[in-house]
């Protein structure tokens, strides 16, 4: 049976709107079907369970987020410098509320989706390895200091504070988003990068390597999405069994 990808995207769009509005625990497949303008059975033609539906949504959002980041880097290869790259990631993420919920592990929005289990854990481990390779490329190219312990963890922890600060201390949110992104960039530049300006040729070479890693990340997410789609495809009934 051919898969109607446009209809599937419409269902995922509806699921995303409802997830952000009500949170995973309160949204039902019936709600998603009504919002998408399809029958409940149609939703189940694409995903066998509510969990599978929302896993597909989160994988699609992850692909879109990395694609946005890759586009920004291609527009300006100098943005591969860590302070500029994290500034870009911050701004791109805040344009995507669902991606923000993913990055911050928003329990109210994601519910049990934030706690991977079974096959999902292998995907988490793969993403962790990719993240470590990402920072290793920046470090070995001299764009990050080489005297920091547990570099990937330390840098991620420092940057994550900027993503969480508005919820943790709402009174600190009196400055605009661009100014917050500038503050993040300033912190990363002075705490994690060597003081000297890097060689532009090195920056261009690193931009190419990071672009390749981002492309690999997108392909990995697509493979997970395709595997989920295949696992939820309607069972084909042989003609002689009908």
C-alpha atoms as a PDB file:
ATOM      1  CA  UNK A   1       0.000   0.000   0.000  1.00  0.00           C
ATOM      2  CA  UNK A   2       1.569   3.371  -0.993  1.00  0.00           C
ATOM      3  CA  UNK A   3       2.260   5.759   1.873  1.00  0.00           C
ATOM      4  CA  UNK A   4       0.639   9.186   1.681  1.00  0.00           C
ATOM      5  CA  UNK A   5       3.544  11.353   2.890  1.00  0.00           C
ATOM      6  CA  UNK A   6       1.608  14.627   2.566  1.00  0.00           C
ATOM      7  CA  UNK A   7      -1.129  13.247   4.807  1.00  0.00           C
ATOM      8  CA  UNK A   8       1.459  11.905   7.247  1.00  0.00           C
ATOM      9  CA  UNK A   9       3.079  15.343   7.441  1.00  0.00           C
ATOM     10  CA  UNK A  10      -0.307  16.933   8.098  1.00  0.00           C
ATOM     11  CA  UNK A  11      -0.887  14.497  10.950  1.00  0.00           C
ATOM     12  CA  UNK A  12       2.568  15.223  12.380  1.00  0.00           C
ATOM     13  CA  UNK A  13       1.918  18.978  12.114  1.00  0.00           C
ATOM     14  CA  UNK A  14      -1.291  18.532  14.097  1.00  0.00           C
ATOM     15  CA  UNK A  15       0.486  16.361  16.672  1.00  0.00           C
ATOM     16  CA  UNK A  16       3.172  19.022  17.113  1.00  0.00           C
ATOM     17  CA  UNK A  17       0.665  21.811  17.684  1.00  0.00           C
ATOM     18  CA  UNK A  18      -1.225  19.794  20.275  1.00  0.00           C
ATOM     19  CA  UNK A  19       1.927  18.565  22.000  1.00  0.00           C
ATOM     20  CA  UNK A  20       3.130  22.117  22.595  1.00  0.00           C
ATOM     21  CA  UNK A  21      -0.314  23.298  23.676  1.00  0.00           C
ATOM     22  CA  UNK A  22      -1.320  20.480  26.030  1.00  0.00           C
ATOM     23  CA  UNK A  23       1.673  18.206  26.637  1.00  0.00           C
ATOM     24  CA  UNK A  24       2.074  14.542  25.744  1.00  0.00           C
ATOM     25  CA  UNK A  25       0.042  13.097  28.613  1.00  0.00           C
ATOM     26  CA  UNK A  26      -3.096  15.056  27.708  1.00  0.00           C
ATOM     27  CA  UNK A  27      -3.074  14.585  23.929  1.00  0.00           C
ATOM     28  CA  UNK A  28      -4.893  11.589  22.467  1.00  0.00           C
ATOM     29  CA  UNK A  29      -4.824  10.076  19.006  1.00  0.00           C
ATOM     30  CA  UNK A  30      -8.448  11.213  18.653  1.00  0.00           C
ATOM     31  CA  UNK A  31      -7.313  14.806  19.303  1.00  0.00           C
ATOM     32  CA  UNK A  32      -4.620  14.535  16.636  1.00  0.00           C
ATOM     33  CA  UNK A  33      -7.034  13.038  14.106  1.00  0.00           C
ATOM     34  CA  UNK A  34      -9.575  15.815  14.632  1.00  0.00           C
ATOM     35  CA  UNK A  35      -6.892  18.507  14.363  1.00  0.00           C
ATOM     36  CA  UNK A  36      -5.527  16.965  11.153  1.00  0.00           C
ATOM     37  CA  UNK A  37      -9.001  16.530   9.667  1.00  0.00           C
ATOM     38  CA  UNK A  38      -8.719  12.762   9.291  1.00  0.00           C
ATOM     39  CA  UNK A  39     -10.270   9.725  10.944  1.00  0.00           C
ATOM     40  CA  UNK A  40      -8.606   8.041  13.898  1.00  0.00           C
ATOM     41  CA  UNK A  41      -8.114   4.930  11.777  1.00  0.00           C
ATOM     42  CA  UNK A  42      -6.154   6.991   9.263  1.00  0.00           C
ATOM     43  CA  UNK A  43      -3.678   7.982  11.962  1.00  0.00           C
ATOM     44  CA  UNK A  44      -3.211   4.306  12.792  1.00  0.00           C
ATOM     45  CA  UNK A  45      -2.499   3.585   9.112  1.00  0.00           C
ATOM     46  CA  UNK A  46       0.707   5.560   9.599  1.00  0.00           C
ATOM     47  CA  UNK A  47       1.595   4.783  13.238  1.00  0.00           C
ATOM     48  CA  UNK A  48       0.462   1.784  15.225  1.00  0.00           C
ATOM     49  CA  UNK A  49       0.634   3.580  18.585  1.00  0.00           C
ATOM     50  CA  UNK A  50       0.536   7.033  20.100  1.00  0.00           C
ATOM     51  CA  UNK A  51       4.168   6.598  21.160  1.00  0.00           C
ATOM     52  CA  UNK A  52       5.259   5.798  17.587  1.00  0.00           C
ATOM     53  CA  UNK A  53       3.382   8.836  16.268  1.00  0.00           C
ATOM     54  CA  UNK A  54       5.157  11.216  18.614  1.00  0.00           C
ATOM     55  CA  UNK A  55       8.518   9.533  18.151  1.00  0.00           C
ATOM     56  CA  UNK A  56       8.116  10.222  14.439  1.00  0.00           C
ATOM     57  CA  UNK A  57       7.288  13.836  15.214  1.00  0.00           C
ATOM     58  CA  UNK A  58      10.397  14.298  17.362  1.00  0.00           C
ATOM     59  CA  UNK A  59      12.641  12.684  14.767  1.00  0.00           C
ATOM     60  CA  UNK A  60      11.250  14.968  12.070  1.00  0.00           C
ATOM     61  CA  UNK A  61      11.871  17.975  14.306  1.00  0.00           C
ATOM     62  CA  UNK A  62      15.437  16.856  14.980  1.00  0.00           C
ATOM     63  CA  UNK A  63      16.101  16.626  11.237  1.00  0.00           C
ATOM     64  CA  UNK A  64      14.689  20.114  10.673  1.00  0.00           C
ATOM     65  CA  UNK A  65      16.742  21.631  13.501  1.00  0.00           C
ATOM     66  CA  UNK A  66      20.047  20.210  12.266  1.00  0.00           C
ATOM     67  CA  UNK A  67      19.155  21.217   8.708  1.00  0.00           C
ATOM     68  CA  UNK A  68      18.581  24.811   9.881  1.00  0.00           C
ATOM     69  CA  UNK A  69      21.935  24.783  11.657  1.00  0.00           C
ATOM     70  CA  UNK A  70      23.662  23.398   8.599  1.00  0.00           C
ATOM     71  CA  UNK A  71      22.074  26.083   6.426  1.00  0.00           C
ATOM     72  CA  UNK A  72      23.348  28.847   8.715  1.00  0.00           C
ATOM     73  CA  UNK A  73      26.850  27.405   8.643  1.00  0.00           C
ATOM     74  CA  UNK A  74      26.823  27.145   4.864  1.00  0.00           C
ATOM     75  CA  UNK A  75      25.732  30.780   4.603  1.00  0.00           C
ATOM     76  CA  UNK A  76      28.692  31.805   6.793  1.00  0.00           C
ATOM     77  CA  UNK A  77      31.498  29.226   7.249  1.00  0.00           C
ATOM     78  CA  UNK A  78      33.115  31.479   9.881  1.00  0.00           C
ATOM     79  CA  UNK A  79      30.135  30.584  12.084  1.00  0.00           C
ATOM     80  CA  UNK A  80      31.885  27.269  12.781  1.00  0.00           C
ATOM     81  CA  UNK A  81      33.906  29.006  15.500  1.00  0.00           C
ATOM     82  CA  UNK A  82      32.403  27.606  18.721  1.00  0.00           C
ATOM     83  CA  UNK A  83      31.065  30.870  20.130  1.00  0.00           C
ATOM     84  CA  UNK A  84      29.376  31.734  16.849  1.00  0.00           C
ATOM     85  CA  UNK A  85      28.145  28.200  16.270  1.00  0.00           C
ATOM     86  CA  UNK A  86      26.476  28.027  19.674  1.00  0.00           C
ATOM     87  CA  UNK A  87      25.006  31.486  19.148  1.00  0.00           C
ATOM     88  CA  UNK A  88      23.506  30.238  15.878  1.00  0.00           C
ATOM     89  CA  UNK A  89      22.245  27.039  17.533  1.00  0.00           C
ATOM     90  CA  UNK A  90      20.635  29.081  20.320  1.00  0.00           C
ATOM     91  CA  UNK A  91      18.741  31.355  17.934  1.00  0.00           C
ATOM     92  CA  UNK A  92      17.715  28.522  15.599  1.00  0.00           C
ATOM     93  CA  UNK A  93      16.427  26.456  18.516  1.00  0.00           C
ATOM     94  CA  UNK A  94      14.338  29.256  19.997  1.00  0.00           C
ATOM     95  CA  UNK A  95      12.575  29.603  16.656  1.00  0.00           C
ATOM     96  CA  UNK A  96      11.444  25.990  17.100  1.00  0.00           C
ATOM     97  CA  UNK A  97       9.585  25.499  20.402  1.00  0.00           C
ATOM     98  CA  UNK A  98       9.413  21.748  19.951  1.00  0.00           C
ATOM     99  CA  UNK A  99      13.167  21.546  19.396  1.00  0.00           C
ATOM    100  CA  UNK A 100      13.646  23.653  22.521  1.00  0.00           C
ATOM    101  CA  UNK A 101      11.527  21.202  24.515  1.00  0.00           C
ATOM    102  CA  UNK A 102      13.706  18.367  23.208  1.00  0.00           C
ATOM    103  CA  UNK A 103      16.985  20.066  24.110  1.00  0.00           C
ATOM    104  CA  UNK A 104      15.871  21.109  27.574  1.00  0.00           C
ATOM    105  CA  UNK A 105      14.049  17.822  28.299  1.00  0.00           C
ATOM    106  CA  UNK A 106      10.800  19.651  29.046  1.00  0.00           C
ATOM    107  CA  UNK A 107       8.852  17.108  31.128  1.00  0.00           C
ATOM    108  CA  UNK A 108       5.574  19.030  30.858  1.00  0.00           C
ATOM    109  CA  UNK A 109       5.647  18.924  27.064  1.00  0.00           C
ATOM    110  CA  UNK A 110       7.327  15.566  26.446  1.00  0.00           C
ATOM    111  CA  UNK A 111       6.106  13.433  29.351  1.00  0.00           C
ATOM    112  CA  UNK A 112       7.562   9.928  29.125  1.00  0.00           C
ATOM    113  CA  UNK A 113       8.952  10.673  25.668  1.00  0.00           C
ATOM    114  CA  UNK A 114      11.919  12.312  27.389  1.00  0.00           C
ATOM    115  CA  UNK A 115      12.994   8.935  28.849  1.00  0.00           C
ATOM    116  CA  UNK A 116      14.174   6.708  25.974  1.00  0.00           C
ATOM    117  CA  UNK A 117      13.959   2.952  26.399  1.00  0.00           C
ATOM    118  CA  UNK A 118      14.847  -0.133  24.433  1.00  0.00           C
ATOM    119  CA  UNK A 119      15.816   0.634  20.833  1.00  0.00           C
ATOM    120  CA  UNK A 120      15.618   4.364  21.554  1.00  0.00           C
ATOM    121  CA  UNK A 121      18.633   4.055  23.844  1.00  0.00           C
ATOM    122  CA  UNK A 122      20.845   2.969  20.951  1.00  0.00           C
ATOM    123  CA  UNK A 123      19.814   6.146  19.141  1.00  0.00           C
ATOM    124  CA  UNK A 124      20.728   8.188  22.207  1.00  0.00           C
ATOM    125  CA  UNK A 125      24.143   6.512  22.376  1.00  0.00           C
ATOM    126  CA  UNK A 126      24.745   7.175  18.684  1.00  0.00           C
ATOM    127  CA  UNK A 127      23.863  10.872  19.174  1.00  0.00           C
ATOM    128  CA  UNK A 128      26.224  11.078  22.154  1.00  0.00           C
ATOM    129  CA  UNK A 129      29.082   9.635  20.103  1.00  0.00           C
ATOM    130  CA  UNK A 130      28.363  12.089  17.291  1.00  0.00           C
ATOM    131  CA  UNK A 131      28.343  14.960  19.788  1.00  0.00           C
ATOM    132  CA  UNK A 132      31.755  13.901  21.106  1.00  0.00           C
ATOM    133  CA  UNK A 133      33.154  13.680  17.571  1.00  0.00           C
ATOM    134  CA  UNK A 134      31.762  17.138  16.879  1.00  0.00           C
ATOM    135  CA  UNK A 135      33.698  18.694  19.756  1.00  0.00           C
ATOM    136  CA  UNK A 136      36.784  16.591  19.011  1.00  0.00           C
ATOM    137  CA  UNK A 137      36.985  18.142  15.516  1.00  0.00           C
ATOM    138  CA  UNK A 138      36.790  21.650  16.988  1.00  0.00           C
ATOM    139  CA  UNK A 139      39.394  20.857  19.639  1.00  0.00           C
ATOM    140  CA  UNK A 140      41.947  19.139  17.419  1.00  0.00           C
ATOM    141  CA  UNK A 141      41.715  22.034  14.955  1.00  0.00           C
ATOM    142  CA  UNK A 142      42.669  24.504  17.679  1.00  0.00           C
ATOM    143  CA  UNK A 143      39.284  26.250  17.827  1.00  0.00           C
ATOM    144  CA  UNK A 144      38.800  25.124  21.434  1.00  0.00           C
ATOM    145  CA  UNK A 145      41.245  25.220  24.313  1.00  0.00           C
ATOM    146  CA  UNK A 146      43.105  21.974  24.968  1.00  0.00           C
ATOM    147  CA  UNK A 147      43.438  22.373  28.751  1.00  0.00           C
ATOM    148  CA  UNK A 148      39.811  21.851  29.765  1.00  0.00           C
ATOM    149  CA  UNK A 149      38.735  18.590  31.455  1.00  0.00           C
ATOM    150  CA  UNK A 150      35.792  16.693  29.980  1.00  0.00           C
ATOM    151  CA  UNK A 151      35.437  19.275  27.227  1.00  0.00           C
ATOM    152  CA  UNK A 152      32.180  18.065  25.646  1.00  0.00           C
ATOM    153  CA  UNK A 153      30.419  17.812  29.000  1.00  0.00           C
ATOM    154  CA  UNK A 154      31.730  21.157  30.291  1.00  0.00           C
ATOM    155  CA  UNK A 155      30.884  23.068  27.135  1.00  0.00           C
ATOM    156  CA  UNK A 156      27.432  21.488  26.838  1.00  0.00           C
ATOM    157  CA  UNK A 157      26.680  22.256  30.486  1.00  0.00           C
ATOM    158  CA  UNK A 158      27.722  25.882  30.110  1.00  0.00           C
ATOM    159  CA  UNK A 159      25.646  26.387  26.958  1.00  0.00           C
ATOM    160  CA  UNK A 160      22.602  24.538  28.340  1.00  0.00           C
ATOM    161  CA  UNK A 161      22.314  27.104  31.133  1.00  0.00           C
ATOM    162  CA  UNK A 162      21.379  29.727  28.534  1.00  0.00           C
ATOM    163  CA  UNK A 163      18.604  27.494  27.171  1.00  0.00           C
ATOM    164  CA  UNK A 164      17.196  26.865  30.660  1.00  0.00           C
ATOM    165  CA  UNK A 165      17.679  30.269  32.283  1.00  0.00           C
ATOM    166  CA  UNK A 166      14.353  31.817  31.215  1.00  0.00           C
ATOM    167  CA  UNK A 167      12.327  29.031  32.842  1.00  0.00           C
ATOM    168  CA  UNK A 168      14.504  28.740  35.916  1.00  0.00           C
ATOM    169  CA  UNK A 169      14.692  32.481  36.609  1.00  0.00           C
ATOM    170  CA  UNK A 170      11.959  34.293  34.635  1.00  0.00           C
ATOM    171  CA  UNK A 171      12.987  37.602  36.227  1.00  0.00           C
ATOM    172  CA  UNK A 172      16.245  37.375  34.249  1.00  0.00           C
ATOM    173  CA  UNK A 173      14.402  37.433  30.916  1.00  0.00           C
ATOM    174  CA  UNK A 174      14.188  41.198  30.543  1.00  0.00           C
ATOM    175  CA  UNK A 175      16.665  41.300  27.666  1.00  0.00           C
ATOM    176  CA  UNK A 176      15.851  40.345  24.100  1.00  0.00           C
ATOM    177  CA  UNK A 177      16.762  37.050  22.450  1.00  0.00           C
ATOM    178  CA  UNK A 178      19.594  38.489  20.345  1.00  0.00           C
ATOM    179  CA  UNK A 179      21.225  39.972  23.455  1.00  0.00           C
ATOM    180  CA  UNK A 180      20.999  36.610  25.207  1.00  0.00           C
ATOM    181  CA  UNK A 181      22.609  34.956  22.189  1.00  0.00           C
ATOM    182  CA  UNK A 182      25.373  37.571  22.309  1.00  0.00           C
ATOM    183  CA  UNK A 183      25.931  36.834  26.006  1.00  0.00           C
ATOM    184  CA  UNK A 184      26.212  33.116  25.244  1.00  0.00           C
ATOM    185  CA  UNK A 185      28.725  33.809  22.467  1.00  0.00           C
ATOM    186  CA  UNK A 186      30.792  36.066  24.754  1.00  0.00           C
ATOM    187  CA  UNK A 187      30.903  33.390  27.457  1.00  0.00           C
ATOM    188  CA  UNK A 188      31.973  30.618  25.088  1.00  0.00           C
ATOM    189  CA  UNK A 189      34.550  32.820  23.356  1.00  0.00           C
ATOM    190  CA  UNK A 190      36.338  33.814  26.541  1.00  0.00           C
ATOM    191  CA  UNK A 191      35.951  30.605  28.550  1.00  0.00           C
ATOM    192  CA  UNK A 192      36.504  27.911  25.923  1.00  0.00           C
ATOM    193  CA  UNK A 193      38.479  29.295  22.975  1.00  0.00           C
ATOM    194  CA  UNK A 194      42.176  30.213  22.663  1.00  0.00           C
ATOM    195  CA  UNK A 195      42.770  33.983  22.900  1.00  0.00           C
ATOM    196  CA  UNK A 196      44.418  34.281  19.475  1.00  0.00           C
ATOM    197  CA  UNK A 197      42.328  34.643  16.337  1.00  0.00           C
ATOM    198  CA  UNK A 198      42.331  31.408  14.295  1.00  0.00           C
ATOM    199  CA  UNK A 199      43.794  31.043  10.806  1.00  0.00           C
ATOM    200  CA  UNK A 200      40.957  31.669   8.285  1.00  0.00           C
ATOM    201  CA  UNK A 201      42.126  28.672   6.218  1.00  0.00           C
ATOM    202  CA  UNK A 202      41.763  26.425   9.282  1.00  0.00           C
ATOM    203  CA  UNK A 203      38.275  27.796   9.935  1.00  0.00           C
ATOM    204  CA  UNK A 204      37.201  27.050   6.363  1.00  0.00           C
ATOM    205  CA  UNK A 205      38.575  23.508   6.578  1.00  0.00           C
ATOM    206  CA  UNK A 206      36.818  22.895   9.911  1.00  0.00           C
ATOM    207  CA  UNK A 207      33.558  24.253   8.468  1.00  0.00           C
ATOM    208  CA  UNK A 208      33.704  21.555   5.798  1.00  0.00           C
ATOM    209  CA  UNK A 209      34.304  18.813   8.381  1.00  0.00           C
ATOM    210  CA  UNK A 210      31.486  20.034  10.630  1.00  0.00           C
ATOM    211  CA  UNK A 211      29.144  20.277   7.640  1.00  0.00           C
ATOM    212  CA  UNK A 212      29.913  16.631   6.872  1.00  0.00           C
ATOM    213  CA  UNK A 213      29.181  15.666  10.494  1.00  0.00           C
ATOM    214  CA  UNK A 214      25.887  17.545  10.413  1.00  0.00           C
ATOM    215  CA  UNK A 215      24.973  15.785   7.167  1.00  0.00           C
ATOM    216  CA  UNK A 216      25.800  12.463   8.826  1.00  0.00           C
ATOM    217  CA  UNK A 217      23.608  13.423  11.782  1.00  0.00           C
ATOM    218  CA  UNK A 218      20.688  14.246   9.484  1.00  0.00           C
ATOM    219  CA  UNK A 219      21.124  10.929   7.648  1.00  0.00           C
ATOM    220  CA  UNK A 220      21.145   9.093  10.971  1.00  0.00           C
ATOM    221  CA  UNK A 221      17.911  10.737  12.051  1.00  0.00           C
ATOM    222  CA  UNK A 222      16.365   9.921   8.666  1.00  0.00           C
ATOM    223  CA  UNK A 223      17.357   6.281   9.027  1.00  0.00           C
ATOM    224  CA  UNK A 224      15.667   6.173  12.436  1.00  0.00           C
ATOM    225  CA  UNK A 225      12.582   7.878  10.974  1.00  0.00           C
ATOM    226  CA  UNK A 226      12.474   5.452   8.030  1.00  0.00           C
ATOM    227  CA  UNK A 227      12.891   2.471  10.349  1.00  0.00           C
ATOM    228  CA  UNK A 228      10.011   3.738  12.471  1.00  0.00           C
ATOM    229  CA  UNK A 229       7.910   4.258   9.341  1.00  0.00           C
ATOM    230  CA  UNK A 230       8.671   0.745   8.110  1.00  0.00           C
ATOM    231  CA  UNK A 231       7.816  -0.757  11.491  1.00  0.00           C
ATOM    232  CA  UNK A 232       4.439   0.982  11.402  1.00  0.00           C
ATOM    233  CA  UNK A 233       3.562   0.336   7.758  1.00  0.00           C
ATOM    234  CA  UNK A 234       0.251  -1.463   7.197  1.00  0.00           C
ATOM    235  CA  UNK A 235       0.708  -5.200   6.779  1.00  0.00           C
ATOM    236  CA  UNK A 236       0.521  -6.212   3.124  1.00  0.00           C
ATOM    237  CA  UNK A 237      -2.077  -8.932   2.545  1.00  0.00           C
ATOM    238  CA  UNK A 238      -1.211 -11.382  -0.280  1.00  0.00           C
ATOM    239  CA  UNK A 239      -3.870 -11.383  -3.056  1.00  0.00           C
ATOM    240  CA  UNK A 240      -4.624 -15.082  -2.570  1.00  0.00           C
ATOM    241  CA  UNK A 241      -5.351 -14.498   1.130  1.00  0.00           C
ATOM    242  CA  UNK A 242      -7.992 -11.815   0.585  1.00  0.00           C
END
